[in-house]
C-alpha atoms as a PDB file:
ATOM      1  CA  MET A   1      19.725 -13.428  26.250  1.00  0.00           C
ATOM      2  CA  THR A   2      17.931 -12.765  22.983  1.00  0.00           C
ATOM      3  CA  VAL A   3      17.102 -15.963  21.125  1.00  0.00           C
ATOM      4  CA  GLY A   4      16.594 -16.174  17.378  1.00  0.00           C
ATOM      5  CA  GLY A   5      17.730 -14.110  14.440  1.00  0.00           C
ATOM      6  CA  ILE A   6      18.010 -10.357  14.110  1.00  0.00           C
ATOM      7  CA  THR A   7      16.824  -8.185  11.236  1.00  0.00           C
ATOM      8  CA  GLY A   8      18.647  -4.938  10.553  1.00  0.00           C
ATOM      9  CA  ILE A   9      16.307  -2.316   9.071  1.00  0.00           C
ATOM     10  CA  ILE A  10      17.612   0.860   7.454  1.00  0.00           C
ATOM     11  CA  LEU A  11      15.140   3.629   6.641  1.00  0.00           C
ATOM     12  CA  ALA A  12      16.225   5.424   3.463  1.00  0.00           C
ATOM     13  CA  GLY A  13      12.980   6.966   2.283  1.00  0.00           C
ATOM     14  CA  GLY A  14      13.569  10.575   3.303  1.00  0.00           C
ATOM     15  CA  MET A  15      13.668  13.425   0.804  1.00  0.00           C
ATOM     16  CA  SER A  16      16.980  14.927   2.062  1.00  0.00           C
ATOM     17  CA  ARG A  17      15.585  18.392   1.371  1.00  0.00           C
ATOM     18  CA  ARG A  18      17.871  20.269   3.738  1.00  0.00           C
ATOM     19  CA  MET A  19      20.961  18.395   2.580  1.00  0.00           C
ATOM     20  CA  GLY A  20      20.103  19.025  -1.072  1.00  0.00           C
ATOM     21  CA  ARG A  21      21.235  15.558  -2.139  1.00  0.00           C
ATOM     22  CA  ASN A  22      20.658  11.955  -1.102  1.00  0.00           C
ATOM     23  CA  LYS A  23      22.131  11.569   2.377  1.00  0.00           C
ATOM     24  CA  ALA A  24      22.416   7.804   2.080  1.00  0.00           C
ATOM     25  CA  LEU A  25      24.860   8.141  -0.803  1.00  0.00           C
ATOM     26  CA  LEU A  26      27.147  10.772   0.727  1.00  0.00           C
ATOM     27  CA  ASP A  27      30.805   9.760   0.619  1.00  0.00           C
ATOM     28  CA  LEU A  28      31.968   8.555   4.034  1.00  0.00           C
ATOM     29  CA  GLY A  29      35.584   7.456   3.973  1.00  0.00           C
ATOM     30  CA  GLY A  30      35.451   6.628   0.291  1.00  0.00           C
ATOM     31  CA  ARG A  31      32.151   4.727   0.404  1.00  0.00           C
ATOM     32  CA  PRO A  32      28.478   5.676   0.391  1.00  0.00           C
ATOM     33  CA  MET A  33      27.315   6.241   3.954  1.00  0.00           C
ATOM     34  CA  ILE A  34      24.627   3.580   3.610  1.00  0.00           C
ATOM     35  CA  ALA A  35      27.309   1.013   2.736  1.00  0.00           C
ATOM     36  CA  VAL A  36      29.085   1.823   5.998  1.00  0.00           C
ATOM     37  CA  ILE A  37      25.825   1.509   7.943  1.00  0.00           C
ATOM     38  CA  VAL A  38      25.039  -1.843   6.297  1.00  0.00           C
ATOM     39  CA  GLU A  39      28.496  -3.123   7.209  1.00  0.00           C
ATOM     40  CA  ARG A  40      28.067  -2.146  10.852  1.00  0.00           C
ATOM     41  CA  LEU A  41      24.619  -3.720  11.062  1.00  0.00           C
ATOM     42  CA  GLN A  42      25.927  -6.926   9.514  1.00  0.00           C
ATOM     43  CA  THR A  43      28.061  -7.477  12.612  1.00  0.00           C
ATOM     44  CA  LEU A  44      24.784  -7.990  14.515  1.00  0.00           C
ATOM     45  CA  ALA A  45      22.034  -8.881  12.068  1.00  0.00           C
ATOM     46  CA  ASP A  46      21.195 -12.066  10.161  1.00  0.00           C
ATOM     47  CA  GLU A  47      19.525 -10.084   7.385  1.00  0.00           C
ATOM     48  CA  ILE A  48      19.469  -6.479   6.208  1.00  0.00           C
ATOM     49  CA  ILE A  49      16.406  -4.694   4.841  1.00  0.00           C
ATOM     50  CA  ILE A  50      16.523  -1.249   3.252  1.00  0.00           C
ATOM     51  CA  VAL A  51      13.189   0.580   3.218  1.00  0.00           C
ATOM     52  CA  ALA A  52      13.034   3.033   0.304  1.00  0.00           C
ATOM     53  CA  ASP A  53      10.770   3.983  -2.566  1.00  0.00           C
ATOM     54  CA  ASP A  54      13.582   3.625  -5.101  1.00  0.00           C
ATOM     55  CA  ARG A  55      14.489   0.018  -4.421  1.00  0.00           C
ATOM     56  CA  GLU A  56      16.768  -0.334  -7.438  1.00  0.00           C
ATOM     57  CA  LEU A  57      18.949   2.544  -6.287  1.00  0.00           C
ATOM     58  CA  TYR A  58      19.930   0.530  -3.225  1.00  0.00           C
ATOM     59  CA  ALA A  59      20.429  -2.817  -4.975  1.00  0.00           C
ATOM     60  CA  PRO A  60      24.235  -2.679  -4.488  1.00  0.00           C
ATOM     61  CA  PHE A  61      23.844  -2.483  -0.724  1.00  0.00           C
ATOM     62  CA  ALA A  62      21.245  -5.083   0.274  1.00  0.00           C
ATOM     63  CA  GLU A  63      19.463  -7.981  -1.358  1.00  0.00           C
ATOM     64  CA  LYS A  64      16.221  -7.277   0.486  1.00  0.00           C
ATOM     65  CA  ARG A  65      14.666  -3.900  -0.259  1.00  0.00           C
ATOM     66  CA  VAL A  66      11.067  -2.868   0.287  1.00  0.00           C
ATOM     67  CA  ALA A  67       8.900   0.212  -0.183  1.00  0.00           C
ATOM     68  CA  ASP A  68       6.491   1.660   2.365  1.00  0.00           C
ATOM     69  CA  VAL A  69       3.119  -0.049   2.489  1.00  0.00           C
ATOM     70  CA  PHE A  70       1.717   3.218   3.814  1.00  0.00           C
ATOM     71  CA  ALA A  71       3.344   5.937   1.736  1.00  0.00           C
ATOM     72  CA  GLY A  72       3.980   9.439   2.987  1.00  0.00           C
ATOM     73  CA  VAL A  73       3.571   8.791   6.706  1.00  0.00           C
ATOM     74  CA  GLY A  74       7.182   9.227   7.776  1.00  0.00           C
ATOM     75  CA  THR A  75       9.094   7.087  10.224  1.00  0.00           C
ATOM     76  CA  LEU A  76       6.086   4.999  11.270  1.00  0.00           C
ATOM     77  CA  GLY A  77       5.592   3.876   7.666  1.00  0.00           C
ATOM     78  CA  GLY A  78       9.228   2.890   7.351  1.00  0.00           C
ATOM     79  CA  VAL A  79       9.269   0.942  10.607  1.00  0.00           C
ATOM     80  CA  HIS A  80       6.046  -0.809   9.578  1.00  0.00           C
ATOM     81  CA  ALA A  81       7.401  -1.789   6.143  1.00  0.00           C
ATOM     82  CA  GLY A  82      10.662  -3.079   7.578  1.00  0.00           C
ATOM     83  CA  LEU A  83       9.053  -5.150  10.312  1.00  0.00           C
ATOM     84  CA  GLN A  84       6.455  -6.548   7.926  1.00  0.00           C
ATOM     85  CA  ALA A  85       9.192  -7.755   5.570  1.00  0.00           C
ATOM     86  CA  ALA A  86      11.431  -9.064   8.361  1.00  0.00           C
ATOM     87  CA  THR A  87      12.213 -12.747   8.597  1.00  0.00           C
ATOM     88  CA  TYR A  88      12.981 -12.516  12.297  1.00  0.00           C
ATOM     89  CA  ASP A  89      11.023 -11.277  15.281  1.00  0.00           C
ATOM     90  CA  LEU A  90      13.476  -8.632  16.446  1.00  0.00           C
ATOM     91  CA  GLY A  91      14.266  -5.654  14.219  1.00  0.00           C
ATOM     92  CA  VAL A  92      17.040  -3.116  14.786  1.00  0.00           C
ATOM     93  CA  VAL A  93      15.843   0.085  13.101  1.00  0.00           C
ATOM     94  CA  VAL A  94      18.223   2.896  12.142  1.00  0.00           C
ATOM     95  CA  GLY A  95      18.329   5.795   9.706  1.00  0.00           C
ATOM     96  CA  CYS A  96      20.478   5.929   6.601  1.00  0.00           C
ATOM     97  CA  ASP A  97      22.106   9.147   7.833  1.00  0.00           C
ATOM     98  CA  MET A  98      23.816   8.011  11.053  1.00  0.00           C
ATOM     99  CA  PRO A  99      27.564   8.145  10.358  1.00  0.00           C
ATOM    100  CA  PHE A 100      28.639   7.319  13.921  1.00  0.00           C
ATOM    101  CA  LEU A 101      26.492   4.197  14.323  1.00  0.00           C
ATOM    102  CA  ASN A 102      27.991   2.091  17.102  1.00  0.00           C
ATOM    103  CA  PRO A 103      27.453  -1.696  16.906  1.00  0.00           C
ATOM    104  CA  GLN A 104      28.238  -2.071  20.612  1.00  0.00           C
ATOM    105  CA  VAL A 105      25.367   0.228  21.515  1.00  0.00           C
ATOM    106  CA  LEU A 106      23.038  -1.609  19.141  1.00  0.00           C
ATOM    107  CA  ALA A 107      24.073  -4.932  20.695  1.00  0.00           C
ATOM    108  CA  TRP A 108      23.224  -3.515  24.128  1.00  0.00           C
ATOM    109  CA  PHE A 109      19.761  -2.548  22.842  1.00  0.00           C
ATOM    110  CA  ILE A 110      19.242  -6.045  21.473  1.00  0.00           C
ATOM    111  CA  GLU A 111      20.052  -7.595  24.835  1.00  0.00           C
ATOM    112  CA  ALA A 112      17.728  -5.143  26.568  1.00  0.00           C
ATOM    113  CA  ALA A 113      14.816  -6.315  24.398  1.00  0.00           C
ATOM    114  CA  GLU A 114      14.470  -9.671  26.143  1.00  0.00           C
ATOM    115  CA  GLU A 115      11.374  -8.643  28.099  1.00  0.00           C
ATOM    116  CA  ALA A 116      10.178  -5.803  25.880  1.00  0.00           C
ATOM    117  CA  ASP A 117       8.366  -5.090  22.630  1.00  0.00           C
ATOM    118  CA  ALA A 118      10.605  -2.098  21.934  1.00  0.00           C
ATOM    119  CA  VAL A 119      13.808  -0.523  23.246  1.00  0.00           C
ATOM    120  CA  VAL A 120      14.025   3.256  22.891  1.00  0.00           C
ATOM    121  CA  LEU A 121      16.457   5.914  24.133  1.00  0.00           C
ATOM    122  CA  GLN A 122      14.877   8.476  26.439  1.00  0.00           C
ATOM    123  CA  GLN A 123      16.614  11.790  27.141  1.00  0.00           C
ATOM    124  CA  GLY A 124      14.442  13.760  29.510  1.00  0.00           C
ATOM    125  CA  ALA A 125      11.268  14.485  27.582  1.00  0.00           C
ATOM    126  CA  TRP A 126      12.697  13.249  24.284  1.00  0.00           C
ATOM    127  CA  LEU A 127      12.474   9.810  22.716  1.00  0.00           C
ATOM    128  CA  GLU A 128      14.523   8.507  19.790  1.00  0.00           C
ATOM    129  CA  PRO A 129      12.281   6.328  17.575  1.00  0.00           C
ATOM    130  CA  LEU A 130      15.150   5.614  15.213  1.00  0.00           C
ATOM    131  CA  HIS A 131      18.232   3.803  16.481  1.00  0.00           C
ATOM    132  CA  ALA A 132      15.736   1.588  18.310  1.00  0.00           C
ATOM    133  CA  VAL A 133      14.672  -2.036  18.529  1.00  0.00           C
ATOM    134  CA  TYR A 134      11.130  -3.247  17.772  1.00  0.00           C
ATOM    135  CA  ARG A 135       9.497  -6.663  17.727  1.00  0.00           C
ATOM    136  CA  ARG A 136       7.133  -7.725  14.966  1.00  0.00           C
ATOM    137  CA  CYS A 137       4.281  -7.747  17.462  1.00  0.00           C
ATOM    138  CA  CYS A 138       4.393  -3.948  17.189  1.00  0.00           C
ATOM    139  CA  LEU A 139       2.929  -4.185  13.676  1.00  0.00           C
ATOM    140  CA  PRO A 140      -0.779  -4.130  14.661  1.00  0.00           C
ATOM    141  CA  VAL A 141      -0.173  -1.122  16.915  1.00  0.00           C
ATOM    142  CA  ILE A 142       1.721   0.760  14.201  1.00  0.00           C
ATOM    143  CA  GLU A 143      -0.890  -0.025  11.554  1.00  0.00           C
ATOM    144  CA  LEU A 144      -3.786   1.113  13.707  1.00  0.00           C
ATOM    145  CA  ALA A 145      -1.948   4.329  14.518  1.00  0.00           C
ATOM    146  CA  ILE A 146      -1.226   5.043  10.847  1.00  0.00           C
ATOM    147  CA  ARG A 147      -4.799   4.337   9.777  1.00  0.00           C
ATOM    148  CA  ALA A 148      -5.981   6.724  12.499  1.00  0.00           C
ATOM    149  CA  GLY A 149      -3.818   9.494  11.049  1.00  0.00           C
ATOM    150  CA  GLU A 150      -1.022   9.325  13.598  1.00  0.00           C
ATOM    151  CA  ARG A 151       2.399  10.406  12.270  1.00  0.00           C
ATOM    152  CA  ARG A 152       4.458  10.735  15.437  1.00  0.00           C
ATOM    153  CA  ALA A 153       6.637   7.664  15.846  1.00  0.00           C
ATOM    154  CA  TYR A 154       6.847   8.026  19.615  1.00  0.00           C
ATOM    155  CA  ALA A 155       3.025   7.958  19.930  1.00  0.00           C
ATOM    156  CA  ILE A 156       2.928   4.158  19.819  1.00  0.00           C
ATOM    157  CA  CYS A 157       5.177   3.756  22.845  1.00  0.00           C
ATOM    158  CA  ASP A 158       2.401   4.003  25.432  1.00  0.00           C
ATOM    159  CA  GLN A 159       0.742   0.986  23.808  1.00  0.00           C
ATOM    160  CA  LEU A 160       3.812  -1.255  23.951  1.00  0.00           C
ATOM    161  CA  ARG A 161       6.053  -2.780  26.566  1.00  0.00           C
ATOM    162  CA  VAL A 162       8.921  -0.352  26.063  1.00  0.00           C
ATOM    163  CA  ARG A 163      12.315  -0.601  27.701  1.00  0.00           C
ATOM    164  CA  TYR A 164      13.283   3.064  28.012  1.00  0.00           C
ATOM    165  CA  VAL A 165      17.048   3.506  28.025  1.00  0.00           C
ATOM    166  CA  ALA A 166      18.615   6.320  30.021  1.00  0.00           C
ATOM    167  CA  PRO A 167      21.797   7.857  28.561  1.00  0.00           C
ATOM    168  CA  ALA A 168      23.746   6.937  31.697  1.00  0.00           C
ATOM    169  CA  GLU A 169      23.182   3.243  30.959  1.00  0.00           C
ATOM    170  CA  ILE A 170      25.152   3.350  27.728  1.00  0.00           C
ATOM    171  CA  THR A 171      27.690   6.156  28.125  1.00  0.00           C
ATOM    172  CA  HIS A 172      30.344   3.557  28.952  1.00  0.00           C
ATOM    173  CA  LEU A 173      29.941   2.421  25.337  1.00  0.00           C
ATOM    174  CA  ASP A 174      29.313   5.819  23.742  1.00  0.00           C
ATOM    175  CA  PRO A 175      30.108   8.737  26.091  1.00  0.00           C
ATOM    176  CA  ASP A 176      28.730  11.442  23.782  1.00  0.00           C
ATOM    177  CA  LEU A 177      25.857   9.357  22.354  1.00  0.00           C
ATOM    178  CA  CYS A 178      27.314   9.880  18.896  1.00  0.00           C
ATOM    179  CA  SER A 179      25.679   6.686  17.671  1.00  0.00           C
ATOM    180  CA  PHE A 180      22.272   8.405  17.792  1.00  0.00           C
ATOM    181  CA  ARG A 181      23.278  11.468  15.813  1.00  0.00           C
ATOM    182  CA  ASN A 182      22.284  11.987  12.228  1.00  0.00           C
ATOM    183  CA  VAL A 183      23.110  14.595   9.611  1.00  0.00           C
ATOM    184  CA  ASN A 184      20.571  16.831   7.928  1.00  0.00           C
ATOM    185  CA  THR A 185      22.460  19.779   6.443  1.00  0.00           C
ATOM    186  CA  PRO A 186      25.667  20.427   4.461  1.00  0.00           C
ATOM    187  CA  GLU A 187      27.080  22.160   7.538  1.00  0.00           C
ATOM    188  CA  GLU A 188      26.533  19.095   9.707  1.00  0.00           C
ATOM    189  CA  TRP A 189      28.034  16.914   7.004  1.00  0.00           C
ATOM    190  CA  GLN A 190      31.129  19.120   6.930  1.00  0.00           C
ATOM    191  CA  MET A 191      31.575  18.438  10.629  1.00  0.00           C
ATOM    192  CA  VAL A 192      31.417  14.709   9.949  1.00  0.00           C
ATOM    193  CA  THR A 193      33.945  14.798   7.141  1.00  0.00           C
ATOM    194  CA  SER A 194      36.214  16.957   9.314  1.00  0.00           C
ATOM    195  CA  ARG A 195      35.984  14.294  12.049  1.00  0.00           C
ATOM    196  CA  ALA A 196      34.376  16.782  14.399  1.00  0.00           C
ATOM    197  CA  VAL A 197      31.675  15.645  16.787  1.00  0.00           C
ATOM    198  CA  LEU A 198      28.242  16.990  15.892  1.00  0.00           C
ATOM    199  CA  THR A 199      27.017  19.521  18.424  1.00  0.00           C
ATOM    200  CA  ASN A 200      23.313  18.817  18.097  1.00  0.00           C
ATOM    201  CA  ALA A 201      21.387  15.671  18.927  1.00  0.00           C
ATOM    202  CA  ALA A 202      19.998  13.566  16.107  1.00  0.00           C
ATOM    203  CA  GLY A 203      16.891  14.565  14.231  1.00  0.00           C
ATOM    204  CA  GLN A 204      16.148  17.967  15.731  1.00  0.00           C
ATOM    205  CA  GLU A 205      13.842  18.939  12.918  1.00  0.00           C
ATOM    206  CA  ALA A 206      13.120  15.452  11.654  1.00  0.00           C
ATOM    207  CA  GLU A 207      10.678  13.079  13.313  1.00  0.00           C
ATOM    208  CA  GLY A 208       9.048  14.846  16.284  1.00  0.00           C
ATOM    209  CA  LYS A 209      10.424  13.216  19.405  1.00  0.00           C
ATOM    210  CA  HIS A 210       9.348  15.622  22.134  1.00  0.00           C
ATOM    211  CA  VAL A 211       6.919  14.000  24.502  1.00  0.00           C
ATOM    212  CA  GLU A 212       5.359  16.738  26.591  1.00  0.00           C
ATOM    213  CA  GLY A 213       6.519  15.938  30.094  1.00  0.00           C
ATOM    214  CA  LEU A 214       6.135  12.235  29.321  1.00  0.00           C
ATOM    215  CA  THR A 215       2.784  12.489  31.098  1.00  0.00           C
ATOM    216  CA  ARG A 216      -0.007  10.064  30.436  1.00  0.00           C
ATOM    217  CA  ARG A 217      -2.490  11.641  28.047  1.00  0.00           C
ATOM    218  CA  PRO A 218      -5.978  10.454  27.053  1.00  0.00           C
ATOM    219  CA  PRO A 219      -5.333   7.800  24.408  1.00  0.00           C
ATOM    220  CA  PRO A 220      -6.430   8.425  20.809  1.00  0.00           C
ATOM    221  CA  SER A 221      -9.338   6.395  19.466  1.00  0.00           C
ATOM    222  CA  TRP A 222      -7.083   3.871  17.737  1.00  0.00           C
ATOM    223  CA  VAL A 223      -5.651   2.835  21.116  1.00  0.00           C
ATOM    224  CA  THR A 224      -9.003   1.529  22.365  1.00  0.00           C
ATOM    225  CA  GLU A 225      -9.437  -0.391  19.133  1.00  0.00           C
ATOM    226  CA  ARG A 226      -5.985  -1.897  19.464  1.00  0.00           C
ATOM    227  CA  ARG A 227      -6.578  -3.050  23.019  1.00  0.00           C
ATOM    228  CA  THR A 228      -9.625  -5.006  21.991  1.00  0.00           C
ATOM    229  CA  ALA A 229      -8.196  -6.426  18.761  1.00  0.00           C
ATOM    230  CA  HIS A 230      -4.533  -7.168  19.426  1.00  0.00           C
ATOM    231  CA  SER A 231      -1.949  -7.705  22.091  1.00  0.00           C
ATOM    232  CA  CYS A 232       1.815  -7.973  22.252  1.00  0.00           C
ATOM    233  CA  ARG A 233       2.680 -11.216  23.969  1.00  0.00           C
ATOM    234  CA  PRO A 234       6.008 -12.330  25.468  1.00  0.00           C
ATOM    235  CA  ASN A 235       6.776 -14.487  22.431  1.00  0.00           C
ATOM    236  CA  GLY A 236       6.666 -11.361  20.273  1.00  0.00           C
ATOM    237  CA  ARG A 237       3.720 -12.411  18.135  1.00  0.00           C
ATOM    238  CA  PRO A 238       0.432 -10.588  17.620  1.00  0.00           C
ATOM    239  CA  GLY A 239      -2.446 -12.026  19.564  1.00  0.00           C
END
């Protein structure tokens, strides 16, 4: 059983280039999509943090809003900023463009984090770095990766105690894994507003999630540095 508070972290710093307008503010059932996502996270989290460059834009949706410490580095920068600002050890990280977010699935991930630094969905050779759970002890690993030029969010997983979740473990809660799906284009958004299930998995062209065969590769230089400087301990605090 997870002990302590939970921080809900919503990444809203994307450019929405393919959508052509801010995805977070798209109308979902008469409300901005980000408002719906905040509401669902509030069923689980003790605080909500929105990570975005334009913090004032999101003032109506959350009291706590932060910008990336490391700008322009994608998902890793957003996860880093959210965890750094978090009051609590455990952070539930999601995107602002996930209209089918399922609180029951997120609660399952939270419970699965008891003995892990991170909880991540694994589908074959693919990992989902959003819709995931991270502890604050991941911060030194993320920062070293960013400073070394790493931009792939999944690249930190080999350096953490990760609980990889197989789809079969959660299909009783979400048979089609809709909770993990996001929207990137007007066509995908039309499917959402028509109450049709999206046909493609989340983030196909977004954050690179393909891990080639999930084989162990020679670690980048920042990994060696991390192993000598930091460690993730069971209490979730940097060593």
